[in-house]
Every structure is written in structure tokens, then in C-alpha cells.
Amino acid sequence: SDYAMGWFRQAAGKEREVVAAISSNGAMTYYAHSVEGRFTISKDN
């Protein structure tokens, strides 16, 4: 609950990339364009 969190992914032979991120209070989120509308990040403090 005290931390901002993120999900990243790394495919074989590729660099690590951001998937989604969320603020510590869960109110603000960010999504990579490639996953927007398909993925949802949430925080259960």
C-alpha cells in the first residue's frame, strides 16, 4: 500500500518494457498502447 507499482514484460531477445503502472493509492494508472483496453492493473491494499 505504500508503494507505486508496475508490471513489465520481457520477451525473448527483446528489452524489458512497461505494461502498466499504478500509483500507491490506486487512483492513477498508465498502460502501454499495446495493451490498453485489454489489460487492467489494480491494487488491493
PDB file of all heavy atoms in Angstrom:
ATOM      1  N   SER A   1       0.813  -1.216   0.000  1.00  0.00           N
ATOM      2  CA  SER A   1       0.000   0.000   0.000  1.00  0.00           C
ATOM      3  C   SER A   1       0.849   1.269   0.000  1.00  0.00           C
ATOM      4  O   SER A   1       0.387   2.326  -0.410  1.00  0.00           O
ATOM      5  CB  SER A   1      -0.942   0.010   1.199  1.00  0.00           C
ATOM      6  OG  SER A   1      -0.202   0.031   2.415  1.00  0.00           O
ATOM      7  N   ASP A   2       2.097   1.174   0.421  1.00  0.00           N
ATOM      8  CA  ASP A   2       2.969   2.352   0.479  1.00  0.00           C
ATOM      9  C   ASP A   2       3.685   2.617  -0.836  1.00  0.00           C
ATOM     10  O   ASP A   2       4.328   3.664  -0.985  1.00  0.00           O
ATOM     11  CB  ASP A   2       4.037   2.161   1.559  1.00  0.00           C
ATOM     12  CG  ASP A   2       3.441   2.128   2.952  1.00  0.00           C
ATOM     13  OD1 ASP A   2       2.350   2.691   3.140  1.00  0.00           O
ATOM     14  OD2 ASP A   2       4.071   1.528   3.844  1.00  0.00           O
ATOM     15  N   TYR A   3       3.575   1.697  -1.804  1.00  0.00           N
ATOM     16  CA  TYR A   3       4.414   1.769  -2.986  1.00  0.00           C
ATOM     17  C   TYR A   3       3.633   1.994  -4.274  1.00  0.00           C
ATOM     18  O   TYR A   3       2.508   1.524  -4.432  1.00  0.00           O
ATOM     19  CB  TYR A   3       5.208   0.463  -3.131  1.00  0.00           C
ATOM     20  CG  TYR A   3       6.272   0.311  -2.077  1.00  0.00           C
ATOM     21  CD1 TYR A   3       5.966  -0.221  -0.827  1.00  0.00           C
ATOM     22  CD2 TYR A   3       7.573   0.733  -2.314  1.00  0.00           C
ATOM     23  CE1 TYR A   3       6.939  -0.333   0.156  1.00  0.00           C
ATOM     24  CE2 TYR A   3       8.552   0.610  -1.343  1.00  0.00           C
ATOM     25  CZ  TYR A   3       8.219   0.077  -0.110  1.00  0.00           C
ATOM     26  OH  TYR A   3       9.179  -0.033   0.854  1.00  0.00           O
ATOM     27  N   ALA A   4       4.255   2.729  -5.188  1.00  0.00           N
ATOM     28  CA  ALA A   4       3.803   2.744  -6.576  1.00  0.00           C
ATOM     29  C   ALA A   4       4.288   1.452  -7.208  1.00  0.00           C
ATOM     30  O   ALA A   4       5.406   1.001  -6.941  1.00  0.00           O
ATOM     31  CB  ALA A   4       4.360   3.953  -7.308  1.00  0.00           C
ATOM     32  N   MET A   5       3.442   0.854  -8.045  1.00  0.00           N
ATOM     33  CA  MET A   5       3.743  -0.459  -8.603  1.00  0.00           C
ATOM     34  C   MET A   5       3.675  -0.445 -10.114  1.00  0.00           C
ATOM     35  O   MET A   5       2.974   0.379 -10.717  1.00  0.00           O
ATOM     36  CB  MET A   5       2.729  -1.485  -8.081  1.00  0.00           C
ATOM     37  CG  MET A   5       2.603  -1.575  -6.578  1.00  0.00           C
ATOM     38  SD  MET A   5       4.088  -2.210  -5.793  1.00  0.00           S
ATOM     39  CE  MET A   5       4.141  -3.870  -6.469  1.00  0.00           C
ATOM     40  N   GLY A   6       4.388  -1.375 -10.711  1.00  0.00           N
ATOM     41  CA  GLY A   6       4.343  -1.503 -12.159  1.00  0.00           C
ATOM     42  C   GLY A   6       4.439  -2.954 -12.586  1.00  0.00           C
ATOM     43  O   GLY A   6       4.965  -3.796 -11.846  1.00  0.00           O
ATOM     44  N   TRP A   7       3.907  -3.222 -13.743  1.00  0.00           N
ATOM     45  CA  TRP A   7       4.086  -4.527 -14.402  1.00  0.00           C
ATOM     46  C   TRP A   7       4.901  -4.285 -15.668  1.00  0.00           C
ATOM     47  O   TRP A   7       4.591  -3.370 -16.442  1.00  0.00           O
ATOM     48  CB  TRP A   7       2.747  -5.158 -14.776  1.00  0.00           C
ATOM     49  CG  TRP A   7       2.039  -5.811 -13.633  1.00  0.00           C
ATOM     50  CD1 TRP A   7       1.020  -5.282 -12.897  1.00  0.00           C
ATOM     51  CD2 TRP A   7       2.288  -7.115 -13.101  1.00  0.00           C
ATOM     52  NE1 TRP A   7       0.621  -6.180 -11.939  1.00  0.00           N
ATOM     53  CE2 TRP A   7       1.375  -7.316 -12.035  1.00  0.00           C
ATOM     54  CE3 TRP A   7       3.180  -8.144 -13.417  1.00  0.00           C
ATOM     55  CZ2 TRP A   7       1.337  -8.506 -11.289  1.00  0.00           C
ATOM     56  CZ3 TRP A   7       3.146  -9.312 -12.673  1.00  0.00           C
ATOM     57  CH2 TRP A   7       2.234  -9.486 -11.632  1.00  0.00           C
ATOM     58  N   PHE A   8       5.912  -5.094 -15.840  1.00  0.00           N
ATOM     59  CA  PHE A   8       6.763  -5.028 -17.016  1.00  0.00           C
ATOM     60  C   PHE A   8       6.811  -6.413 -17.646  1.00  0.00           C
ATOM     61  O   PHE A   8       6.448  -7.413 -17.002  1.00  0.00           O
ATOM     62  CB  PHE A   8       8.181  -4.590 -16.630  1.00  0.00           C
ATOM     63  CG  PHE A   8       8.264  -3.162 -16.188  1.00  0.00           C
ATOM     64  CD1 PHE A   8       7.816  -2.774 -14.929  1.00  0.00           C
ATOM     65  CD2 PHE A   8       8.768  -2.183 -17.030  1.00  0.00           C
ATOM     66  CE1 PHE A   8       7.878  -1.448 -14.513  1.00  0.00           C
ATOM     67  CE2 PHE A   8       8.837  -0.858 -16.642  1.00  0.00           C
ATOM     68  CZ  PHE A   8       8.393  -0.497 -15.380  1.00  0.00           C
ATOM     69  N   ARG A   9       7.267  -6.484 -18.880  1.00  0.00           N
ATOM     70  CA  ARG A   9       7.442  -7.777 -19.508  1.00  0.00           C
ATOM     71  C   ARG A   9       8.688  -7.753 -20.401  1.00  0.00           C
ATOM     72  O   ARG A   9       9.103  -6.700 -20.872  1.00  0.00           O
ATOM     73  CB  ARG A   9       6.208  -8.175 -20.328  1.00  0.00           C
ATOM     74  CG  ARG A   9       5.947  -7.322 -21.554  1.00  0.00           C
ATOM     75  CD  ARG A   9       4.622  -7.710 -22.184  1.00  0.00           C
ATOM     76  NE  ARG A   9       4.334  -6.925 -23.388  1.00  0.00           N
ATOM     77  CZ  ARG A   9       3.176  -6.973 -24.041  1.00  0.00           C
ATOM     78  NH1 ARG A   9       2.203  -7.767 -23.618  1.00  0.00           N
ATOM     79  NH2 ARG A   9       3.007  -6.236 -25.132  1.00  0.00           N
ATOM     80  N   GLN A  10       9.226  -8.942 -20.573  1.00  0.00           N
ATOM     81  CA  GLN A  10      10.404  -9.075 -21.426  1.00  0.00           C
ATOM     82  C   GLN A  10      10.258 -10.329 -22.263  1.00  0.00           C
ATOM     83  O   GLN A  10      10.238 -11.452 -21.724  1.00  0.00           O
ATOM     84  CB  GLN A  10      11.689  -9.130 -20.596  1.00  0.00           C
ATOM     85  CG  GLN A  10      12.945  -9.086 -21.436  1.00  0.00           C
ATOM     86  CD  GLN A  10      14.181  -8.774 -20.617  1.00  0.00           C
ATOM     87  OE1 GLN A  10      14.194  -8.889 -19.400  1.00  0.00           O
ATOM     88  NE2 GLN A  10      15.244  -8.352 -21.291  1.00  0.00           N
ATOM     89  N   ALA A  11      10.132 -10.137 -23.554  1.00  0.00           N
ATOM     90  CA  ALA A  11      10.065 -11.252 -24.490  1.00  0.00           C
ATOM     91  C   ALA A  11      11.477 -11.674 -24.864  1.00  0.00           C
ATOM     92  O   ALA A  11      12.435 -10.903 -24.722  1.00  0.00           O
ATOM     93  CB  ALA A  11       9.274 -10.846 -25.721  1.00  0.00           C
ATOM     94  N   ALA A  12      11.602 -12.882 -25.341  1.00  0.00           N
ATOM     95  CA  ALA A  12      12.919 -13.410 -25.707  1.00  0.00           C
ATOM     96  C   ALA A  12      13.570 -12.513 -26.744  1.00  0.00           C
ATOM     97  O   ALA A  12      12.960 -12.183 -27.761  1.00  0.00           O
ATOM     98  CB  ALA A  12      12.779 -14.827 -26.230  1.00  0.00           C
ATOM     99  N   GLY A  13      14.795 -12.097 -26.475  1.00  0.00           N
ATOM    100  CA  GLY A  13      15.536 -11.281 -27.412  1.00  0.00           C
ATOM    101  C   GLY A  13      15.141  -9.822 -27.464  1.00  0.00           C
ATOM    102  O   GLY A  13      15.640  -9.072 -28.315  1.00  0.00           O
ATOM    103  N   LYS A  14      14.260  -9.425 -26.571  1.00  0.00           N
ATOM    104  CA  LYS A  14      13.802  -8.025 -26.566  1.00  0.00           C
ATOM    105  C   LYS A  14      14.094  -7.372 -25.220  1.00  0.00           C
ATOM    106  O   LYS A  14      14.353  -8.044 -24.224  1.00  0.00           O
ATOM    107  CB  LYS A  14      12.311  -7.959 -26.875  1.00  0.00           C
ATOM    108  CG  LYS A  14      11.953  -8.434 -28.275  1.00  0.00           C
ATOM    109  CD  LYS A  14      10.480  -8.196 -28.559  1.00  0.00           C
ATOM    110  CE  LYS A  14      10.130  -8.615 -29.977  1.00  0.00           C
ATOM    111  NZ  LYS A  14       8.695  -8.365 -30.285  1.00  0.00           N
ATOM    112  N   GLU A  15      14.021  -6.054 -25.202  1.00  0.00           N
ATOM    113  CA  GLU A  15      14.233  -5.314 -23.974  1.00  0.00           C
ATOM    114  C   GLU A  15      12.978  -5.367 -23.093  1.00  0.00           C
ATOM    115  O   GLU A  15      11.872  -5.556 -23.582  1.00  0.00           O
ATOM    116  CB  GLU A  15      14.578  -3.854 -24.296  1.00  0.00           C
ATOM    117  CG  GLU A  15      15.914  -3.680 -24.977  1.00  0.00           C
ATOM    118  CD  GLU A  15      16.283  -2.213 -25.124  1.00  0.00           C
ATOM    119  OE1 GLU A  15      15.461  -1.344 -24.789  1.00  0.00           O
ATOM    120  OE2 GLU A  15      17.406  -1.947 -25.581  1.00  0.00           O
ATOM    121  N   ARG A  16      13.201  -5.171 -21.807  1.00  0.00           N
ATOM    122  CA  ARG A  16      12.084  -5.108 -20.876  1.00  0.00           C
ATOM    123  C   ARG A  16      11.261  -3.862 -21.177  1.00  0.00           C
ATOM    124  O   ARG A  16      11.808  -2.773 -21.388  1.00  0.00           O
ATOM    125  CB  ARG A  16      12.591  -5.084 -19.437  1.00  0.00           C
ATOM    126  CG  ARG A  16      11.518  -5.269 -18.397  1.00  0.00           C
ATOM    127  CD  ARG A  16      12.120  -5.487 -17.024  1.00  0.00           C
ATOM    128  NE  ARG A  16      12.942  -6.699 -16.980  1.00  0.00           N
ATOM    129  CZ  ARG A  16      13.407  -7.234 -15.852  1.00  0.00           C
ATOM    130  NH1 ARG A  16      13.138  -6.654 -14.684  1.00  0.00           N
ATOM    131  NH2 ARG A  16      14.151  -8.315 -15.880  1.00  0.00           N
ATOM    132  N   GLU A  17       9.933  -4.026 -21.178  1.00  0.00           N
ATOM    133  CA  GLU A  17       9.068  -2.905 -21.488  1.00  0.00           C
ATOM    134  C   GLU A  17       7.950  -2.804 -20.456  1.00  0.00           C
ATOM    135  O   GLU A  17       7.522  -3.800 -19.869  1.00  0.00           O
ATOM    136  CB  GLU A  17       8.442  -3.059 -22.882  1.00  0.00           C
ATOM    137  CG  GLU A  17       7.557  -4.268 -23.046  1.00  0.00           C
ATOM    138  CD  GLU A  17       6.912  -4.349 -24.431  1.00  0.00           C
ATOM    139  OE1 GLU A  17       7.192  -3.496 -25.286  1.00  0.00           O
ATOM    140  OE2 GLU A  17       6.113  -5.288 -24.640  1.00  0.00           O
ATOM    141  N   VAL A  18       7.481  -1.582 -20.263  1.00  0.00           N
ATOM    142  CA  VAL A  18       6.390  -1.367 -19.321  1.00  0.00           C
ATOM    143  C   VAL A  18       5.097  -1.905 -19.917  1.00  0.00           C
ATOM    144  O   VAL A  18       4.854  -1.813 -21.125  1.00  0.00           O
ATOM    145  CB  VAL A  18       6.252   0.127 -18.962  1.00  0.00           C
ATOM    146  CG1 VAL A  18       5.842   0.941 -20.185  1.00  0.00           C
ATOM    147  CG2 VAL A  18       5.272   0.324 -17.830  1.00  0.00           C
ATOM    148  N   VAL A  19       4.281  -2.502 -19.072  1.00  0.00           N
ATOM    149  CA  VAL A  19       2.946  -2.953 -19.451  1.00  0.00           C
ATOM    150  C   VAL A  19       1.907  -2.021 -18.839  1.00  0.00           C
ATOM    151  O   VAL A  19       1.034  -1.499 -19.530  1.00  0.00           O
ATOM    152  CB  VAL A  19       2.695  -4.393 -18.984  1.00  0.00           C
ATOM    153  CG1 VAL A  19       1.260  -4.809 -19.282  1.00  0.00           C
ATOM    154  CG2 VAL A  19       3.678  -5.347 -19.649  1.00  0.00           C
ATOM    155  N   ALA A  20       2.013  -1.810 -17.530  1.00  0.00           N
ATOM    156  CA  ALA A  20       1.055  -0.967 -16.817  1.00  0.00           C
ATOM    157  C   ALA A  20       1.690  -0.503 -15.518  1.00  0.00           C
ATOM    158  O   ALA A  20       2.614  -1.135 -14.996  1.00  0.00           O
ATOM    159  CB  ALA A  20      -0.240  -1.724 -16.534  1.00  0.00           C
ATOM    160  N   ALA A  21       1.181   0.606 -15.003  1.00  0.00           N
ATOM    161  CA  ALA A  21       1.684   1.141 -13.741  1.00  0.00           C
ATOM    162  C   ALA A  21       0.526   1.730 -12.955  1.00  0.00           C
ATOM    163  O   ALA A  21      -0.499   2.117 -13.533  1.00  0.00           O
ATOM    164  CB  ALA A  21       2.758   2.191 -13.993  1.00  0.00           C
ATOM    165  N   ILE A  22       0.701   1.797 -11.643  1.00  0.00           N
ATOM    166  CA  ILE A  22      -0.363   2.309 -10.782  1.00  0.00           C
ATOM    167  C   ILE A  22       0.236   3.067  -9.620  1.00  0.00           C
ATOM    168  O   ILE A  22       1.304   2.714  -9.099  1.00  0.00           O
ATOM    169  CB  ILE A  22      -1.266   1.144 -10.306  1.00  0.00           C
ATOM    170  CG1 ILE A  22      -2.538   1.652  -9.638  1.00  0.00           C
ATOM    171  CG2 ILE A  22      -0.494   0.189  -9.400  1.00  0.00           C
ATOM    172  CD1 ILE A  22      -3.596   0.566  -9.456  1.00  0.00           C
ATOM    173  N   SER A  23      -0.441   4.132  -9.223  1.00  0.00           N
ATOM    174  CA  SER A  23       0.033   4.932  -8.092  1.00  0.00           C
ATOM    175  C   SER A  23      -0.202   4.187  -6.784  1.00  0.00           C
ATOM    176  O   SER A  23      -0.953   3.209  -6.738  1.00  0.00           O
ATOM    177  CB  SER A  23      -0.701   6.277  -8.069  1.00  0.00           C
ATOM    178  OG  SER A  23      -2.107   6.063  -7.946  1.00  0.00           O
ATOM    179  N   SER A  24       0.407   4.662  -5.724  1.00  0.00           N
ATOM    180  CA  SER A  24       0.306   3.953  -4.452  1.00  0.00           C
ATOM    181  C   SER A  24      -1.124   3.922  -3.917  1.00  0.00           C
ATOM    182  O   SER A  24      -1.532   2.944  -3.281  1.00  0.00           O
ATOM    183  CB  SER A  24       1.238   4.564  -3.413  1.00  0.00           C
ATOM    184  OG  SER A  24       0.884   5.909  -3.152  1.00  0.00           O
ATOM    185  N   ASN A  25      -1.896   4.974  -4.197  1.00  0.00           N
ATOM    186  CA  ASN A  25      -3.289   4.957  -3.716  1.00  0.00           C
ATOM    187  C   ASN A  25      -4.242   4.299  -4.698  1.00  0.00           C
ATOM    188  O   ASN A  25      -5.437   4.202  -4.444  1.00  0.00           O
ATOM    189  CB  ASN A  25      -3.765   6.374  -3.380  1.00  0.00           C
ATOM    190  CG  ASN A  25      -3.891   7.255  -4.598  1.00  0.00           C
ATOM    191  OD1 ASN A  25      -3.632   6.847  -5.730  1.00  0.00           O
ATOM    192  ND2 ASN A  25      -4.276   8.496  -4.375  1.00  0.00           N
ATOM    193  N   GLY A  26      -3.710   3.841  -5.827  1.00  0.00           N
ATOM    194  CA  GLY A  26      -4.520   3.126  -6.807  1.00  0.00           C
ATOM    195  C   GLY A  26      -5.365   4.003  -7.704  1.00  0.00           C
ATOM    196  O   GLY A  26      -6.063   3.490  -8.579  1.00  0.00           O
ATOM    197  N   ALA A  27      -5.293   5.316  -7.533  1.00  0.00           N
ATOM    198  CA  ALA A  27      -6.184   6.215  -8.274  1.00  0.00           C
ATOM    199  C   ALA A  27      -5.705   6.501  -9.687  1.00  0.00           C
ATOM    200  O   ALA A  27      -6.498   6.821 -10.565  1.00  0.00           O
ATOM    201  CB  ALA A  27      -6.348   7.527  -7.511  1.00  0.00           C
ATOM    202  N   MET A  28      -4.409   6.428  -9.905  1.00  0.00           N
ATOM    203  CA  MET A  28      -3.834   6.782 -11.203  1.00  0.00           C
ATOM    204  C   MET A  28      -3.208   5.553 -11.836  1.00  0.00           C
ATOM    205  O   MET A  28      -2.486   4.803 -11.164  1.00  0.00           O
ATOM    206  CB  MET A  28      -2.777   7.869 -11.034  1.00  0.00           C
ATOM    207  CG  MET A  28      -3.292   9.125 -10.339  1.00  0.00           C
ATOM    208  SD  MET A  28      -4.636   9.911 -11.233  1.00  0.00           S
ATOM    209  CE  MET A  28      -3.747  10.533 -12.662  1.00  0.00           C
ATOM    210  N   THR A  29      -3.489   5.361 -13.126  1.00  0.00           N
ATOM    211  CA  THR A  29      -2.938   4.214 -13.836  1.00  0.00           C
ATOM    212  C   THR A  29      -2.371   4.639 -15.178  1.00  0.00           C
ATOM    213  O   THR A  29      -2.738   5.685 -15.732  1.00  0.00           O
ATOM    214  CB  THR A  29      -3.998   3.121 -14.068  1.00  0.00           C
ATOM    215  OG1 THR A  29      -5.101   3.689 -14.791  1.00  0.00           O
ATOM    216  CG2 THR A  29      -4.480   2.536 -12.758  1.00  0.00           C
ATOM    217  N   TYR A  30      -1.493   3.794 -15.689  1.00  0.00           N
ATOM    218  CA  TYR A  30      -0.868   4.005 -17.002  1.00  0.00           C
ATOM    219  C   TYR A  30      -0.821   2.661 -17.718  1.00  0.00           C
ATOM    220  O   TYR A  30      -0.574   1.625 -17.081  1.00  0.00           O
ATOM    221  CB  TYR A  30       0.551   4.537 -16.814  1.00  0.00           C
ATOM    222  CG  TYR A  30       1.371   4.511 -18.088  1.00  0.00           C
ATOM    223  CD1 TYR A  30       1.330   5.572 -18.980  1.00  0.00           C
ATOM    224  CD2 TYR A  30       2.162   3.413 -18.402  1.00  0.00           C
ATOM    225  CE1 TYR A  30       2.066   5.535 -20.149  1.00  0.00           C
ATOM    226  CE2 TYR A  30       2.894   3.369 -19.565  1.00  0.00           C
ATOM    227  CZ  TYR A  30       2.840   4.433 -20.442  1.00  0.00           C
ATOM    228  OH  TYR A  30       3.574   4.386 -21.600  1.00  0.00           O
ATOM    229  N   TYR A  31      -1.059   2.687 -19.016  1.00  0.00           N
ATOM    230  CA  TYR A  31      -0.988   1.467 -19.819  1.00  0.00           C
ATOM    231  C   TYR A  31      -0.162   1.709 -21.076  1.00  0.00           C
ATOM    232  O   TYR A  31      -0.269   2.774 -21.696  1.00  0.00           O
ATOM    233  CB  TYR A  31      -2.388   1.010 -20.235  1.00  0.00           C
ATOM    234  CG  TYR A  31      -3.248   0.593 -19.074  1.00  0.00           C
ATOM    235  CD1 TYR A  31      -4.130   1.480 -18.479  1.00  0.00           C
ATOM    236  CD2 TYR A  31      -3.158  -0.697 -18.551  1.00  0.00           C
ATOM    237  CE1 TYR A  31      -4.909   1.107 -17.396  1.00  0.00           C
ATOM    238  CE2 TYR A  31      -3.925  -1.090 -17.474  1.00  0.00           C
ATOM    239  CZ  TYR A  31      -4.796  -0.175 -16.899  1.00  0.00           C
ATOM    240  OH  TYR A  31      -5.559  -0.550 -15.819  1.00  0.00           O
ATOM    241  N   ALA A  32       0.615   0.719 -21.436  1.00  0.00           N
ATOM    242  CA  ALA A  32       1.280   0.758 -22.731  1.00  0.00           C
ATOM    243  C   ALA A  32       0.207   0.701 -23.815  1.00  0.00           C
ATOM    244  O   ALA A  32      -0.845   0.068 -23.638  1.00  0.00           O
ATOM    245  CB  ALA A  32       2.232  -0.421 -22.868  1.00  0.00           C
ATOM    246  N   HIS A  33       0.487   1.360 -24.928  1.00  0.00           N
ATOM    247  CA  HIS A  33      -0.502   1.411 -26.011  1.00  0.00           C
ATOM    248  C   HIS A  33      -0.890   0.012 -26.466  1.00  0.00           C
ATOM    249  O   HIS A  33      -2.057  -0.244 -26.813  1.00  0.00           O
ATOM    250  CB  HIS A  33       0.074   2.215 -27.179  1.00  0.00           C
ATOM    251  CG  HIS A  33      -0.858   2.322 -28.337  1.00  0.00           C
ATOM    252  ND1 HIS A  33      -2.015   3.086 -28.296  1.00  0.00           N
ATOM    253  CD2 HIS A  33      -0.823   1.752 -29.560  1.00  0.00           C
ATOM    254  CE1 HIS A  33      -2.624   2.984 -29.465  1.00  0.00           C
ATOM    255  NE2 HIS A  33      -1.933   2.183 -30.246  1.00  0.00           N
ATOM    256  N   SER A  34       0.063  -0.908 -26.447  1.00  0.00           N
ATOM    257  CA  SER A  34      -0.184  -2.240 -26.975  1.00  0.00           C
ATOM    258  C   SER A  34      -1.168  -3.047 -26.127  1.00  0.00           C
ATOM    259  O   SER A  34      -1.717  -4.046 -26.602  1.00  0.00           O
ATOM    260  CB  SER A  34       1.140  -3.009 -27.092  1.00  0.00           C
ATOM    261  OG  SER A  34       1.760  -3.115 -25.822  1.00  0.00           O
ATOM    262  N   VAL A  35      -1.395  -2.643 -24.873  1.00  0.00           N
ATOM    263  CA  VAL A  35      -2.281  -3.412 -24.001  1.00  0.00           C
ATOM    264  C   VAL A  35      -3.511  -2.629 -23.562  1.00  0.00           C
ATOM    265  O   VAL A  35      -4.412  -3.191 -22.922  1.00  0.00           O
ATOM    266  CB  VAL A  35      -1.523  -3.924 -22.747  1.00  0.00           C
ATOM    267  CG1 VAL A  35      -0.264  -4.672 -23.156  1.00  0.00           C
ATOM    268  CG2 VAL A  35      -1.203  -2.801 -21.784  1.00  0.00           C
ATOM    269  N   GLU A  36      -3.547  -1.349 -23.894  1.00  0.00           N
ATOM    270  CA  GLU A  36      -4.664  -0.515 -23.447  1.00  0.00           C
ATOM    271  C   GLU A  36      -5.983  -1.072 -23.973  1.00  0.00           C
ATOM    272  O   GLU A  36      -6.105  -1.422 -25.145  1.00  0.00           O
ATOM    273  CB  GLU A  36      -4.459   0.921 -23.925  1.00  0.00           C
ATOM    274  CG  GLU A  36      -5.287   1.935 -23.172  1.00  0.00           C
ATOM    275  CD  GLU A  36      -4.762   3.348 -23.360  1.00  0.00           C
ATOM    276  OE1 GLU A  36      -3.943   3.559 -24.277  1.00  0.00           O
ATOM    277  OE2 GLU A  36      -5.162   4.232 -22.594  1.00  0.00           O
ATOM    278  N   GLY A  37      -6.957  -1.162 -23.061  1.00  0.00           N
ATOM    279  CA  GLY A  37      -8.251  -1.722 -23.436  1.00  0.00           C
ATOM    280  C   GLY A  37      -8.346  -3.222 -23.250  1.00  0.00           C
ATOM    281  O   GLY A  37      -9.450  -3.785 -23.263  1.00  0.00           O
ATOM    282  N   ARG A  38      -7.201  -3.899 -23.078  1.00  0.00           N
ATOM    283  CA  ARG A  38      -7.205  -5.355 -22.874  1.00  0.00           C
ATOM    284  C   ARG A  38      -6.735  -5.726 -21.462  1.00  0.00           C
ATOM    285  O   ARG A  38      -7.190  -6.718 -20.898  1.00  0.00           O
ATOM    286  CB  ARG A  38      -6.287  -6.043 -23.892  1.00  0.00           C
ATOM    287  CG  ARG A  38      -6.681  -5.828 -25.334  1.00  0.00           C
ATOM    288  CD  ARG A  38      -5.839  -6.695 -26.261  1.00  0.00           C
ATOM    289  NE  ARG A  38      -4.425  -6.363 -26.191  1.00  0.00           N
ATOM    290  CZ  ARG A  38      -3.461  -7.244 -25.916  1.00  0.00           C
ATOM    291  NH1 ARG A  38      -3.757  -8.511 -25.667  1.00  0.00           N
ATOM    292  NH2 ARG A  38      -2.185  -6.861 -25.894  1.00  0.00           N
ATOM    293  N   PHE A  39      -5.811  -4.961 -20.921  1.00  0.00           N
ATOM    294  CA  PHE A  39      -5.232  -5.261 -19.606  1.00  0.00           C
ATOM    295  C   PHE A  39      -5.729  -4.242 -18.591  1.00  0.00           C
ATOM    296  O   PHE A  39      -5.952  -3.076 -18.918  1.00  0.00           O
ATOM    297  CB  PHE A  39      -3.707  -5.190 -19.648  1.00  0.00           C
ATOM    298  CG  PHE A  39      -3.034  -6.287 -20.436  1.00  0.00           C
ATOM    299  CD1 PHE A  39      -3.744  -7.156 -21.252  1.00  0.00           C
ATOM    300  CD2 PHE A  39      -1.654  -6.446 -20.348  1.00  0.00           C
ATOM    301  CE1 PHE A  39      -3.112  -8.153 -21.973  1.00  0.00           C
ATOM    302  CE2 PHE A  39      -1.004  -7.443 -21.057  1.00  0.00           C
ATOM    303  CZ  PHE A  39      -1.741  -8.293 -21.876  1.00  0.00           C
ATOM    304  N   THR A  40      -5.860  -4.692 -17.357  1.00  0.00           N
ATOM    305  CA  THR A  40      -6.246  -3.803 -16.272  1.00  0.00           C
ATOM    306  C   THR A  40      -5.358  -4.059 -15.067  1.00  0.00           C
ATOM    307  O   THR A  40      -5.241  -5.202 -14.603  1.00  0.00           O
ATOM    308  CB  THR A  40      -7.713  -4.030 -15.862  1.00  0.00           C
ATOM    309  OG1 THR A  40      -8.559  -3.819 -16.991  1.00  0.00           O
ATOM    310  CG2 THR A  40      -8.117  -3.057 -14.755  1.00  0.00           C
ATOM    311  N   ILE A  41      -4.748  -2.991 -14.564  1.00  0.00           N
ATOM    312  CA  ILE A  41      -3.938  -3.087 -13.351  1.00  0.00           C
ATOM    313  C   ILE A  41      -4.778  -2.589 -12.182  1.00  0.00           C
ATOM    314  O   ILE A  41      -5.531  -1.621 -12.309  1.00  0.00           O
ATOM    315  CB  ILE A  41      -2.627  -2.279 -13.476  1.00  0.00           C
ATOM    316  CG1 ILE A  41      -1.720  -2.540 -12.273  1.00  0.00           C
ATOM    317  CG2 ILE A  41      -2.898  -0.795 -13.671  1.00  0.00           C
ATOM    318  CD1 ILE A  41      -0.302  -1.945 -12.439  1.00  0.00           C
ATOM    319  N   SER A  42      -4.669  -3.279 -11.065  1.00  0.00           N
ATOM    320  CA  SER A  42      -5.409  -2.845  -9.875  1.00  0.00           C
ATOM    321  C   SER A  42      -4.592  -3.179  -8.641  1.00  0.00           C
ATOM    322  O   SER A  42      -3.699  -4.027  -8.672  1.00  0.00           O
ATOM    323  CB  SER A  42      -6.779  -3.514  -9.812  1.00  0.00           C
ATOM    324  OG  SER A  42      -6.653  -4.920  -9.756  1.00  0.00           O
ATOM    325  N   LYS A  43      -4.936  -2.502  -7.577  1.00  0.00           N
ATOM    326  CA  LYS A  43      -4.177  -2.636  -6.338  1.00  0.00           C
ATOM    327  C   LYS A  43      -5.152  -2.951  -5.221  1.00  0.00           C
ATOM    328  O   LYS A  43      -6.138  -2.244  -5.037  1.00  0.00           O
ATOM    329  CB  LYS A  43      -3.466  -1.305  -6.067  1.00  0.00           C
ATOM    330  CG  LYS A  43      -2.161  -1.347  -5.331  1.00  0.00           C
ATOM    331  CD  LYS A  43      -1.467  -0.013  -5.519  1.00  0.00           C
ATOM    332  CE  LYS A  43      -0.142   0.009  -4.780  1.00  0.00           C
ATOM    333  NZ  LYS A  43      -0.268   0.505  -3.425  1.00  0.00           N
ATOM    334  N   ASP A  44      -4.891  -4.008  -4.507  1.00  0.00           N
ATOM    335  CA  ASP A  44      -5.708  -4.351  -3.353  1.00  0.00           C
ATOM    336  C   ASP A  44      -4.834  -4.163  -2.121  1.00  0.00           C
ATOM    337  O   ASP A  44      -4.109  -5.062  -1.711  1.00  0.00           O
ATOM    338  CB  ASP A  44      -6.211  -5.793  -3.453  1.00  0.00           C
ATOM    339  CG  ASP A  44      -7.212  -6.133  -2.365  1.00  0.00           C
ATOM    340  OD1 ASP A  44      -7.193  -5.473  -1.297  1.00  0.00           O
ATOM    341  OD2 ASP A  44      -8.012  -7.047  -2.572  1.00  0.00           O
ATOM    342  N   ASN A  45      -4.884  -2.956  -1.577  1.00  0.00           N
ATOM    343  CA  ASN A  45      -4.008  -2.660  -0.446  1.00  0.00           C
ATOM    344  C   ASN A  45      -4.365  -3.499   0.780  1.00  0.00           C
ATOM    345  O   ASN A  45      -3.505  -3.813   1.594  1.00  0.00           O
ATOM    346  CB  ASN A  45      -4.046  -1.174  -0.119  1.00  0.00           C
ATOM    347  CG  ASN A  45      -3.328  -0.341  -1.169  1.00  0.00           C
ATOM    348  OD1 ASN A  45      -2.447  -0.834  -1.870  1.00  0.00           O
ATOM    349  ND2 ASN A  45      -3.707   0.925  -1.293  1.00  0.00           N
TER     350      ASN A  45
END
